[in-house]
Structures are given as structure tokens and as C-alpha cells.
Amino acid sequence: MKPAMLLGIGVLLIAGGLALDASAGEANYEKIVKEMLTKVEDITKTLATIKDKNSAEAARPALKEAATRTLELRKLAEEIKQPAKEEKDRLAKEYAPKFEVAVKKLRDETLRVQGVPGAEEAIAELAVLKDKKEKKDGK
């Protein structure tokens, strides 16, 4: 997976996390944002365990789960109503810096893992995040 693709996934996660909808109110909106942030952090932690081919293989199920849950959150975000502007602004102010830090760590860890022999399949588990975005954008 190319660094640009990985950066795109990270940016996508940030955008998805900050542009989420919530039908049941502002508390649900924040819950979804928090879970998106958690998924970015989970992916980074899982990638950090990859040191060789065996650890890369062992990481695949966790990466697949995190990617799948992220897609579920994205779908949920498309189906629910936006909170008030003030709440969106508050959450953006609170969570945007956290997402920036999390995505930087994700990018750094992903670049490191790219150099690990046998890690390609593990990283490929995250490709569904990019594929979904491209289909949505019509690319």
C-alpha cells in the first residue's frame, strides 16, 4: 500500500469522524466521533504489534474488524441527522486535534509496517476503507 493511500485513509477517518450525523441527538453524535477516534487508535495499536510475517498474520483479524466497524460507523453517519451547529463546532474543536495526532501516529506506524516482510496482507485489510470512499466519490 502506498504512503499516499495510507494518508488518504487517515484523512478519510478524520473527515468521517468530524462530519458524522446523529438522529437521536448530540450525545449520539459525540459517541460516534469518539468511536471513530478509538478505531483509528485501535488500528495504530494493532499495526504496532507487527514485527514480522507471523505477527502480521496474527494482526489481520483485528485490522479487518476495525476496518469493518469503521465502515459500519460511516454507514450510520450517512443515515442519521446532523446535530445543531453549536454542537458540531464544539465537537470539532474538541476532537479535531485528537484526530490529527491519531492520524499522524497511524501514518507513521503504517509507513513502518510497510517495511516489514510479509505485512502486505495485513495492511491490505484496511484497503476497504479507501475502496468505499472511492466508490462514494465516483472515482
C-alpha atoms as a PDB file:
ATOM      1  CA  MET A   1       0.000   0.000   0.000  1.00  0.00           C
ATOM      2  CA  LYS A   2       1.429   3.363  -0.978  1.00  0.00           C
ATOM      3  CA  PRO A   3       2.028   6.118   1.608  1.00  0.00           C
ATOM      4  CA  ALA A   4      -0.377   8.413  -0.235  1.00  0.00           C
ATOM      5  CA  MET A   5      -3.109   5.795   0.012  1.00  0.00           C
ATOM      6  CA  LEU A   6      -2.482   5.397   3.728  1.00  0.00           C
ATOM      7  CA  LEU A   7      -2.558   9.115   4.283  1.00  0.00           C
ATOM      8  CA  GLY A   8      -5.816   9.178   2.344  1.00  0.00           C
ATOM      9  CA  ILE A   9      -7.275   6.555   4.676  1.00  0.00           C
ATOM     10  CA  GLY A  10      -6.227   8.621   7.671  1.00  0.00           C
ATOM     11  CA  VAL A  11      -7.716  11.801   6.276  1.00  0.00           C
ATOM     12  CA  LEU A  12     -10.859   9.879   5.410  1.00  0.00           C
ATOM     13  CA  LEU A  13     -11.162   8.708   9.001  1.00  0.00           C
ATOM     14  CA  ILE A  14     -10.794  12.257  10.272  1.00  0.00           C
ATOM     15  CA  ALA A  15     -13.345  13.586   7.810  1.00  0.00           C
ATOM     16  CA  GLY A  16     -15.736  10.778   8.608  1.00  0.00           C
ATOM     17  CA  GLY A  17     -15.330  11.341  12.310  1.00  0.00           C
ATOM     18  CA  LEU A  18     -15.974  15.058  12.152  1.00  0.00           C
ATOM     19  CA  ALA A  19     -18.728  15.064   9.557  1.00  0.00           C
ATOM     20  CA  LEU A  20     -20.958  12.483  11.211  1.00  0.00           C
ATOM     21  CA  ASP A  21     -24.712  12.770  11.595  1.00  0.00           C
ATOM     22  CA  ALA A  22     -26.774  11.767  14.623  1.00  0.00           C
ATOM     23  CA  SER A  23     -30.554  11.258  14.682  1.00  0.00           C
ATOM     24  CA  ALA A  24     -31.019  10.648  18.374  1.00  0.00           C
ATOM     25  CA  GLY A  25     -29.305  13.854  19.403  1.00  0.00           C
ATOM     26  CA  GLU A  26     -25.988  15.380  20.173  1.00  0.00           C
ATOM     27  CA  ALA A  27     -24.921  12.681  22.645  1.00  0.00           C
ATOM     28  CA  ASN A  28     -25.029  10.064  19.864  1.00  0.00           C
ATOM     29  CA  TYR A  29     -23.070  12.342  17.577  1.00  0.00           C
ATOM     30  CA  GLU A  30     -20.290  12.588  20.124  1.00  0.00           C
ATOM     31  CA  LYS A  31     -20.441   8.845  20.752  1.00  0.00           C
ATOM     32  CA  ILE A  32     -19.849   8.160  17.046  1.00  0.00           C
ATOM     33  CA  VAL A  33     -16.992  10.668  16.890  1.00  0.00           C
ATOM     34  CA  LYS A  34     -15.375   9.030  19.922  1.00  0.00           C
ATOM     35  CA  GLU A  35     -15.739   5.582  18.416  1.00  0.00           C
ATOM     36  CA  MET A  36     -14.202   6.727  15.128  1.00  0.00           C
ATOM     37  CA  LEU A  37     -11.234   8.082  17.084  1.00  0.00           C
ATOM     38  CA  THR A  38     -10.993   4.823  19.000  1.00  0.00           C
ATOM     39  CA  LYS A  39     -10.927   2.835  15.748  1.00  0.00           C
ATOM     40  CA  VAL A  40      -8.040   4.939  14.416  1.00  0.00           C
ATOM     41  CA  GLU A  41      -6.168   4.340  17.665  1.00  0.00           C
ATOM     42  CA  ASP A  42      -7.011   0.611  17.603  1.00  0.00           C
ATOM     43  CA  ILE A  43      -5.649   0.265  14.079  1.00  0.00           C
ATOM     44  CA  THR A  44      -2.447   2.034  15.110  1.00  0.00           C
ATOM     45  CA  LYS A  45      -2.018  -0.200  18.176  1.00  0.00           C
ATOM     46  CA  THR A  46      -2.550  -3.297  16.076  1.00  0.00           C
ATOM     47  CA  LEU A  47      -0.059  -2.156  13.465  1.00  0.00           C
ATOM     48  CA  ALA A  48       2.456  -1.562  16.260  1.00  0.00           C
ATOM     49  CA  THR A  49       2.376  -5.291  17.025  1.00  0.00           C
ATOM     50  CA  ILE A  50       3.611  -6.163  13.541  1.00  0.00           C
ATOM     51  CA  LYS A  51       7.297  -7.065  13.664  1.00  0.00           C
ATOM     52  CA  ASP A  52       7.487  -9.986  11.213  1.00  0.00           C
ATOM     53  CA  LYS A  53       5.388 -12.187   8.941  1.00  0.00           C
ATOM     54  CA  ASN A  54       3.868 -14.159  11.836  1.00  0.00           C
ATOM     55  CA  SER A  55       2.832 -11.083  13.800  1.00  0.00           C
ATOM     56  CA  ALA A  56       1.469  -9.542  10.604  1.00  0.00           C
ATOM     57  CA  GLU A  57      -0.697 -12.598  10.030  1.00  0.00           C
ATOM     58  CA  ALA A  58      -1.859 -12.504  13.651  1.00  0.00           C
ATOM     59  CA  ALA A  59      -2.842  -8.816  13.270  1.00  0.00           C
ATOM     60  CA  ARG A  60      -5.098  -9.378  10.262  1.00  0.00           C
ATOM     61  CA  PRO A  61      -8.319 -10.250  12.148  1.00  0.00           C
ATOM     62  CA  ALA A  62      -8.073  -7.164  14.376  1.00  0.00           C
ATOM     63  CA  LEU A  63      -7.360  -4.920  11.396  1.00  0.00           C
ATOM     64  CA  LYS A  64     -10.265  -6.422   9.487  1.00  0.00           C
ATOM     65  CA  GLU A  65     -12.590  -5.914  12.471  1.00  0.00           C
ATOM     66  CA  ALA A  66     -11.527  -2.295  12.881  1.00  0.00           C
ATOM     67  CA  ALA A  67     -11.996  -1.595   9.171  1.00  0.00           C
ATOM     68  CA  THR A  68     -15.402  -3.291   9.182  1.00  0.00           C
ATOM     69  CA  ARG A  69     -16.565  -1.303  12.216  1.00  0.00           C
ATOM     70  CA  THR A  70     -15.339   1.905  10.617  1.00  0.00           C
ATOM     71  CA  LEU A  71     -17.453   1.143   7.550  1.00  0.00           C
ATOM     72  CA  GLU A  72     -20.439   0.490   9.818  1.00  0.00           C
ATOM     73  CA  LEU A  73     -19.920   3.834  11.535  1.00  0.00           C
ATOM     74  CA  ARG A  74     -19.667   5.543   8.173  1.00  0.00           C
ATOM     75  CA  LYS A  75     -22.962   3.956   7.083  1.00  0.00           C
ATOM     76  CA  LEU A  76     -24.601   5.000  10.343  1.00  0.00           C
ATOM     77  CA  ALA A  77     -23.331   8.529   9.817  1.00  0.00           C
ATOM     78  CA  GLU A  78     -24.997   8.650   6.407  1.00  0.00           C
ATOM     79  CA  GLU A  79     -28.342   7.578   7.874  1.00  0.00           C
ATOM     80  CA  ILE A  80     -28.702   9.934  10.809  1.00  0.00           C
ATOM     81  CA  LYS A  81     -29.498  13.614  11.294  1.00  0.00           C
ATOM     82  CA  GLN A  82     -26.933  16.354  11.946  1.00  0.00           C
ATOM     83  CA  PRO A  83     -26.786  17.934  15.419  1.00  0.00           C
ATOM     84  CA  ALA A  84     -27.011  21.682  15.945  1.00  0.00           C
ATOM     85  CA  LYS A  85     -24.200  23.822  14.540  1.00  0.00           C
ATOM     86  CA  GLU A  86     -23.031  24.789  18.014  1.00  0.00           C
ATOM     87  CA  GLU A  87     -22.604  21.130  18.968  1.00  0.00           C
ATOM     88  CA  LYS A  88     -20.778  20.337  15.738  1.00  0.00           C
ATOM     89  CA  ASP A  89     -18.447  23.264  16.344  1.00  0.00           C
ATOM     90  CA  ARG A  90     -17.809  22.178  19.947  1.00  0.00           C
ATOM     91  CA  LEU A  91     -17.008  18.630  18.895  1.00  0.00           C
ATOM     92  CA  ALA A  92     -14.784  19.770  16.040  1.00  0.00           C
ATOM     93  CA  LYS A  93     -12.854  21.974  18.458  1.00  0.00           C
ATOM     94  CA  GLU A  94     -12.510  19.140  20.973  1.00  0.00           C
ATOM     95  CA  TYR A  95     -11.814  16.227  18.630  1.00  0.00           C
ATOM     96  CA  ALA A  96     -10.033  17.669  15.580  1.00  0.00           C
ATOM     97  CA  PRO A  97      -6.687  17.948  17.418  1.00  0.00           C
ATOM     98  CA  LYS A  98      -7.092  14.404  18.761  1.00  0.00           C
ATOM     99  CA  PHE A  99      -7.800  13.088  15.267  1.00  0.00           C
ATOM    100  CA  GLU A 100      -4.772  14.920  13.889  1.00  0.00           C
ATOM    101  CA  VAL A 101      -2.497  13.280  16.459  1.00  0.00           C
ATOM    102  CA  ALA A 102      -4.100   9.860  15.963  1.00  0.00           C
ATOM    103  CA  VAL A 103      -3.822  10.011  12.186  1.00  0.00           C
ATOM    104  CA  LYS A 104      -0.185  11.116  12.347  1.00  0.00           C
ATOM    105  CA  LYS A 105       0.588   8.109  14.553  1.00  0.00           C
ATOM    106  CA  LEU A 106      -1.375   5.881  12.185  1.00  0.00           C
ATOM    107  CA  ARG A 107       0.543   7.191   9.180  1.00  0.00           C
ATOM    108  CA  ASP A 108       3.898   6.754  10.914  1.00  0.00           C
ATOM    109  CA  GLU A 109       3.074   3.215  12.037  1.00  0.00           C
ATOM    110  CA  THR A 110       1.753   2.269   8.613  1.00  0.00           C
ATOM    111  CA  LEU A 111       4.917   3.500   6.935  1.00  0.00           C
ATOM    112  CA  ARG A 112       6.986   1.449   9.394  1.00  0.00           C
ATOM    113  CA  VAL A 113       4.915  -1.674   8.774  1.00  0.00           C
ATOM    114  CA  GLN A 114       5.349  -1.329   5.022  1.00  0.00           C
ATOM    115  CA  GLY A 115       8.985  -2.245   5.550  1.00  0.00           C
ATOM    116  CA  VAL A 116       8.144  -5.453   7.399  1.00  0.00           C
ATOM    117  CA  PRO A 117       8.401  -8.535   5.170  1.00  0.00           C
ATOM    118  CA  GLY A 118       5.053 -10.307   4.913  1.00  0.00           C
ATOM    119  CA  ALA A 119       2.964  -7.388   6.188  1.00  0.00           C
ATOM    120  CA  GLU A 120       1.291  -6.587   2.856  1.00  0.00           C
ATOM    121  CA  GLU A 121      -1.782  -8.741   3.542  1.00  0.00           C
ATOM    122  CA  ALA A 122      -2.249  -7.192   6.979  1.00  0.00           C
ATOM    123  CA  ILE A 123      -2.163  -3.677   5.562  1.00  0.00           C
ATOM    124  CA  ALA A 124      -4.498  -4.773   2.764  1.00  0.00           C
ATOM    125  CA  GLU A 125      -7.214  -5.375   5.385  1.00  0.00           C
ATOM    126  CA  LEU A 126      -7.507  -1.579   5.609  1.00  0.00           C
ATOM    127  CA  ALA A 127      -7.944  -1.108   1.860  1.00  0.00           C
ATOM    128  CA  VAL A 128     -11.731  -1.489   2.174  1.00  0.00           C
ATOM    129  CA  LEU A 129     -11.778   1.938   3.779  1.00  0.00           C
ATOM    130  CA  LYS A 130     -10.274   3.533   0.705  1.00  0.00           C
ATOM    131  CA  ASP A 131     -12.345   1.431  -1.715  1.00  0.00           C
ATOM    132  CA  LYS A 132     -15.598   2.567  -0.081  1.00  0.00           C
ATOM    133  CA  LYS A 133     -14.544   6.219  -0.273  1.00  0.00           C
ATOM    134  CA  GLU A 134     -13.602   5.946  -3.948  1.00  0.00           C
ATOM    135  CA  LYS A 135     -16.956   4.357  -4.842  1.00  0.00           C
ATOM    136  CA  LYS A 136     -18.811   7.080  -2.948  1.00  0.00           C
ATOM    137  CA  ASP A 137     -16.825   9.807  -4.709  1.00  0.00           C
ATOM    138  CA  GLY A 138     -17.400   8.140  -8.091  1.00  0.00           C
ATOM    139  CA  LYS A 139     -13.703   7.530  -8.737  1.00  0.00           C
END
